[in-house]
Amino acid sequence: MPSKRLTGKLLAVEFIKTGGATYNLGGHQTALNVTYDTDEADMTAGSDNYAFMKPTVKRNSASLTSAVRGTFDAATWGALQVGDEGQLLFYPEGKTAGKPKGGFPAYVKSKSPAYPYNDKIVREAAFSPQGGTYGTDVFDPDVHVAS
């Protein structure tokens, strides 16, 4: 039996500001791109023929593109300001218990609306990392699930 093909249709995205206010950024997203990355140090010695790199600190980032839905989105996105700190959480298959959960402590690095001439208006936001502990407030949707 073939496995179910996943889409972003059920994706839930929220940003919980430091201090507790929660903003639902999902529902009409066109894309959420999340990167789990690491910095690296060059450990190459003079006698090595090839570069030898060693992983150092981990780094997460995300960018969200969402279609504008009118006054609801204006209020939500208006309250979300560049520099706001908190936690970005995302649920690829919705927030149902047992479904995948991702996220990390982050701040809003940038946000920008786009007003194309003959297409839907979209908003974009980028999120940069602010540390965290794996499994406590850094979640990998390939491993962690909603409770």
C-alpha atoms as a PDB file:
ATOM      1  CA  MET A   1       0.000   0.000   0.000  1.00  0.00           C
ATOM      2  CA  PRO A   2       1.514   3.390  -0.957  1.00  0.00           C
ATOM      3  CA  SER A   3       2.228   5.831   1.850  1.00  0.00           C
ATOM      4  CA  LYS A   4       0.270   9.056   2.160  1.00  0.00           C
ATOM      5  CA  ARG A   5       1.862  11.998   0.345  1.00  0.00           C
ATOM      6  CA  LEU A   6       2.315  14.938   2.701  1.00  0.00           C
ATOM      7  CA  THR A   7       1.582  18.530   1.721  1.00  0.00           C
ATOM      8  CA  GLY A   8       1.721  21.784   3.657  1.00  0.00           C
ATOM      9  CA  LYS A   9      -2.072  22.002   3.720  1.00  0.00           C
ATOM     10  CA  LEU A  10      -2.351  21.149   7.441  1.00  0.00           C
ATOM     11  CA  LEU A  11       0.726  23.124   8.544  1.00  0.00           C
ATOM     12  CA  ALA A  12       0.207  25.184  11.707  1.00  0.00           C
ATOM     13  CA  VAL A  13       2.745  27.923  12.495  1.00  0.00           C
ATOM     14  CA  GLU A  14       2.812  30.067  15.616  1.00  0.00           C
ATOM     15  CA  PHE A  15       5.139  32.580  17.189  1.00  0.00           C
ATOM     16  CA  ILE A  16       4.980  32.880  20.973  1.00  0.00           C
ATOM     17  CA  LYS A  17       6.433  36.230  22.003  1.00  0.00           C
ATOM     18  CA  THR A  18       8.535  36.499  25.121  1.00  0.00           C
ATOM     19  CA  GLY A  19       5.897  37.482  27.658  1.00  0.00           C
ATOM     20  CA  GLY A  20       3.281  35.036  26.377  1.00  0.00           C
ATOM     21  CA  ALA A  21       1.301  36.487  23.448  1.00  0.00           C
ATOM     22  CA  THR A  22       0.797  33.802  20.766  1.00  0.00           C
ATOM     23  CA  TYR A  23       0.368  34.673  17.092  1.00  0.00           C
ATOM     24  CA  ASN A  24      -1.053  32.170  14.602  1.00  0.00           C
ATOM     25  CA  LEU A  25       0.908  32.669  11.379  1.00  0.00           C
ATOM     26  CA  GLY A  26      -0.295  29.543   9.579  1.00  0.00           C
ATOM     27  CA  GLY A  27      -3.387  28.697   7.635  1.00  0.00           C
ATOM     28  CA  HIS A  28      -2.743  30.496   4.371  1.00  0.00           C
ATOM     29  CA  GLN A  29       0.984  30.013   4.068  1.00  0.00           C
ATOM     30  CA  THR A  30       2.460  29.367   0.674  1.00  0.00           C
ATOM     31  CA  ALA A  31       5.786  28.156   2.096  1.00  0.00           C
ATOM     32  CA  LEU A  32       7.637  27.582   5.358  1.00  0.00           C
ATOM     33  CA  ASN A  33      11.328  26.928   4.813  1.00  0.00           C
ATOM     34  CA  VAL A  34      13.283  25.735   7.847  1.00  0.00           C
ATOM     35  CA  THR A  35      17.027  25.148   7.919  1.00  0.00           C
ATOM     36  CA  TYR A  36      18.890  23.084  10.511  1.00  0.00           C
ATOM     37  CA  ASP A  37      22.567  23.890   9.978  1.00  0.00           C
ATOM     38  CA  THR A  38      25.913  23.985  11.755  1.00  0.00           C
ATOM     39  CA  ASP A  39      28.864  26.306  11.757  1.00  0.00           C
ATOM     40  CA  GLU A  40      32.260  24.738  11.165  1.00  0.00           C
ATOM     41  CA  ALA A  41      35.925  25.253  11.932  1.00  0.00           C
ATOM     42  CA  ASP A  42      38.747  24.544   9.507  1.00  0.00           C
ATOM     43  CA  MET A  43      41.046  21.969  11.136  1.00  0.00           C
ATOM     44  CA  THR A  44      43.229  21.466   8.055  1.00  0.00           C
ATOM     45  CA  ALA A  45      46.947  21.014   8.806  1.00  0.00           C
ATOM     46  CA  GLY A  46      49.740  21.955   6.399  1.00  0.00           C
ATOM     47  CA  SER A  47      50.338  18.325   5.400  1.00  0.00           C
ATOM     48  CA  ASP A  48      46.673  17.549   4.584  1.00  0.00           C
ATOM     49  CA  ASN A  49      45.718  17.146   0.935  1.00  0.00           C
ATOM     50  CA  TYR A  50      42.040  17.990   1.536  1.00  0.00           C
ATOM     51  CA  ALA A  51      40.200  20.379   3.826  1.00  0.00           C
ATOM     52  CA  PHE A  52      39.230  18.905   7.208  1.00  0.00           C
ATOM     53  CA  MET A  53      36.203  20.644   8.715  1.00  0.00           C
ATOM     54  CA  LYS A  54      34.857  20.138  12.232  1.00  0.00           C
ATOM     55  CA  PRO A  55      31.255  21.007  13.213  1.00  0.00           C
ATOM     56  CA  THR A  56      30.916  23.629  15.947  1.00  0.00           C
ATOM     57  CA  VAL A  57      27.607  25.245  17.003  1.00  0.00           C
ATOM     58  CA  LYS A  58      24.236  24.409  15.495  1.00  0.00           C
ATOM     59  CA  ARG A  59      22.114  27.040  13.812  1.00  0.00           C
ATOM     60  CA  ASN A  60      18.409  27.127  12.872  1.00  0.00           C
ATOM     61  CA  SER A  61      16.537  29.596  10.707  1.00  0.00           C
ATOM     62  CA  ALA A  62      13.165  29.838   9.035  1.00  0.00           C
ATOM     63  CA  SER A  63      11.320  31.917   6.497  1.00  0.00           C
ATOM     64  CA  LEU A  64       7.553  32.019   6.120  1.00  0.00           C
ATOM     65  CA  THR A  65       5.523  33.246   3.155  1.00  0.00           C
ATOM     66  CA  SER A  66       1.799  33.667   3.732  1.00  0.00           C
ATOM     67  CA  ALA A  67      -1.093  34.912   1.609  1.00  0.00           C
ATOM     68  CA  VAL A  68      -2.836  37.957   3.100  1.00  0.00           C
ATOM     69  CA  ARG A  69      -6.359  37.272   4.401  1.00  0.00           C
ATOM     70  CA  GLY A  70      -7.499  40.803   5.205  1.00  0.00           C
ATOM     71  CA  THR A  71      -8.000  42.486   8.595  1.00  0.00           C
ATOM     72  CA  PHE A  72      -7.230  39.359  10.656  1.00  0.00           C
ATOM     73  CA  ASP A  73      -3.783  39.088   9.092  1.00  0.00           C
ATOM     74  CA  ALA A  74      -3.168  42.834   9.323  1.00  0.00           C
ATOM     75  CA  ALA A  75      -3.743  42.710  13.093  1.00  0.00           C
ATOM     76  CA  THR A  76      -1.606  39.604  13.581  1.00  0.00           C
ATOM     77  CA  TRP A  77       1.264  40.687  11.362  1.00  0.00           C
ATOM     78  CA  GLY A  78       1.047  44.241  12.680  1.00  0.00           C
ATOM     79  CA  ALA A  79       1.633  42.972  16.221  1.00  0.00           C
ATOM     80  CA  LEU A  80       4.640  40.942  15.060  1.00  0.00           C
ATOM     81  CA  GLN A  81       7.523  43.402  14.847  1.00  0.00           C
ATOM     82  CA  VAL A  82      11.098  43.069  13.613  1.00  0.00           C
ATOM     83  CA  GLY A  83      13.248  42.315  16.660  1.00  0.00           C
ATOM     84  CA  ASP A  84      10.475  40.571  18.620  1.00  0.00           C
ATOM     85  CA  GLU A  85      11.860  37.589  20.547  1.00  0.00           C
ATOM     86  CA  GLY A  86      10.125  34.352  21.411  1.00  0.00           C
ATOM     87  CA  GLN A  87       9.606  30.824  20.152  1.00  0.00           C
ATOM     88  CA  LEU A  88       8.725  29.771  16.615  1.00  0.00           C
ATOM     89  CA  LEU A  89       6.754  26.515  16.569  1.00  0.00           C
ATOM     90  CA  PHE A  90       5.453  24.625  13.564  1.00  0.00           C
ATOM     91  CA  TYR A  91       3.396  21.490  13.137  1.00  0.00           C
ATOM     92  CA  PRO A  92       3.642  20.042   9.584  1.00  0.00           C
ATOM     93  CA  GLU A  93       0.511  17.873  10.007  1.00  0.00           C
ATOM     94  CA  GLY A  94      -1.448  20.117  12.389  1.00  0.00           C
ATOM     95  CA  LYS A  95      -1.326  20.404  16.186  1.00  0.00           C
ATOM     96  CA  THR A  96      -2.929  17.015  16.896  1.00  0.00           C
ATOM     97  CA  ALA A  97      -1.135  15.063  19.652  1.00  0.00           C
ATOM     98  CA  GLY A  98       1.362  12.600  18.231  1.00  0.00           C
ATOM     99  CA  LYS A  99       1.918  14.556  14.998  1.00  0.00           C
ATOM    100  CA  PRO A 100       5.345  16.070  14.144  1.00  0.00           C
ATOM    101  CA  LYS A 101       6.447  19.229  15.958  1.00  0.00           C
ATOM    102  CA  GLY A 102       9.300  21.572  15.057  1.00  0.00           C
ATOM    103  CA  GLY A 103      10.563  24.858  16.396  1.00  0.00           C
ATOM    104  CA  PHE A 104      13.224  26.852  18.160  1.00  0.00           C
ATOM    105  CA  PRO A 105      13.790  30.041  20.181  1.00  0.00           C
ATOM    106  CA  ALA A 106      13.961  32.838  17.638  1.00  0.00           C
ATOM    107  CA  TYR A 107      13.605  36.511  16.932  1.00  0.00           C
ATOM    108  CA  VAL A 108      11.883  38.149  13.978  1.00  0.00           C
ATOM    109  CA  LYS A 109      14.808  39.104  11.752  1.00  0.00           C
ATOM    110  CA  SER A 110      12.765  40.698   8.990  1.00  0.00           C
ATOM    111  CA  LYS A 111       9.280  40.948   7.573  1.00  0.00           C
ATOM    112  CA  SER A 112       8.134  42.307   4.271  1.00  0.00           C
ATOM    113  CA  PRO A 113       4.876  42.419   2.350  1.00  0.00           C
ATOM    114  CA  ALA A 114       4.870  41.934  -1.418  1.00  0.00           C
ATOM    115  CA  TYR A 115       2.288  43.618  -3.608  1.00  0.00           C
ATOM    116  CA  PRO A 116       2.484  42.019  -7.058  1.00  0.00           C
ATOM    117  CA  TYR A 117       0.623  43.747  -9.880  1.00  0.00           C
ATOM    118  CA  ASN A 118      -1.653  40.867 -10.840  1.00  0.00           C
ATOM    119  CA  ASP A 119      -1.352  38.182  -8.153  1.00  0.00           C
ATOM    120  CA  LYS A 120      -2.112  37.577  -4.479  1.00  0.00           C
ATOM    121  CA  ILE A 121      -0.569  39.814  -1.836  1.00  0.00           C
ATOM    122  CA  VAL A 122       1.807  37.916   0.416  1.00  0.00           C
ATOM    123  CA  ARG A 123       3.729  38.616   3.586  1.00  0.00           C
ATOM    124  CA  GLU A 124       7.143  37.192   4.334  1.00  0.00           C
ATOM    125  CA  ALA A 125       8.976  36.896   7.629  1.00  0.00           C
ATOM    126  CA  ALA A 126      12.426  35.560   8.481  1.00  0.00           C
ATOM    127  CA  PHE A 127      13.347  34.125  11.883  1.00  0.00           C
ATOM    128  CA  SER A 128      16.865  33.795  13.317  1.00  0.00           C
ATOM    129  CA  PRO A 129      17.966  31.510  16.177  1.00  0.00           C
ATOM    130  CA  GLN A 130      18.420  32.374  19.852  1.00  0.00           C
ATOM    131  CA  GLY A 131      20.044  29.275  21.330  1.00  0.00           C
ATOM    132  CA  GLY A 132      18.011  26.604  23.035  1.00  0.00           C
ATOM    133  CA  THR A 133      18.238  23.005  24.199  1.00  0.00           C
ATOM    134  CA  TYR A 134      17.428  20.078  21.903  1.00  0.00           C
ATOM    135  CA  GLY A 135      14.189  18.422  23.027  1.00  0.00           C
ATOM    136  CA  THR A 136      13.340  21.192  25.503  1.00  0.00           C
ATOM    137  CA  ASP A 137      12.755  24.186  23.248  1.00  0.00           C
ATOM    138  CA  VAL A 138      14.465  23.112  20.013  1.00  0.00           C
ATOM    139  CA  PHE A 139      12.309  20.577  18.200  1.00  0.00           C
ATOM    140  CA  ASP A 140      13.030  18.556  15.064  1.00  0.00           C
ATOM    141  CA  PRO A 141       9.829  17.404  13.323  1.00  0.00           C
ATOM    142  CA  ASP A 142      11.574  14.184  12.259  1.00  0.00           C
ATOM    143  CA  VAL A 143      11.935  13.292  15.956  1.00  0.00           C
ATOM    144  CA  HIS A 144       9.560  15.323  18.143  1.00  0.00           C
ATOM    145  CA  VAL A 145       5.774  15.212  18.320  1.00  0.00           C
ATOM    146  CA  ALA A 146       3.017  17.473  19.621  1.00  0.00           C
ATOM    147  CA  SER A 147       1.590  16.570  22.998  1.00  0.00           C
END
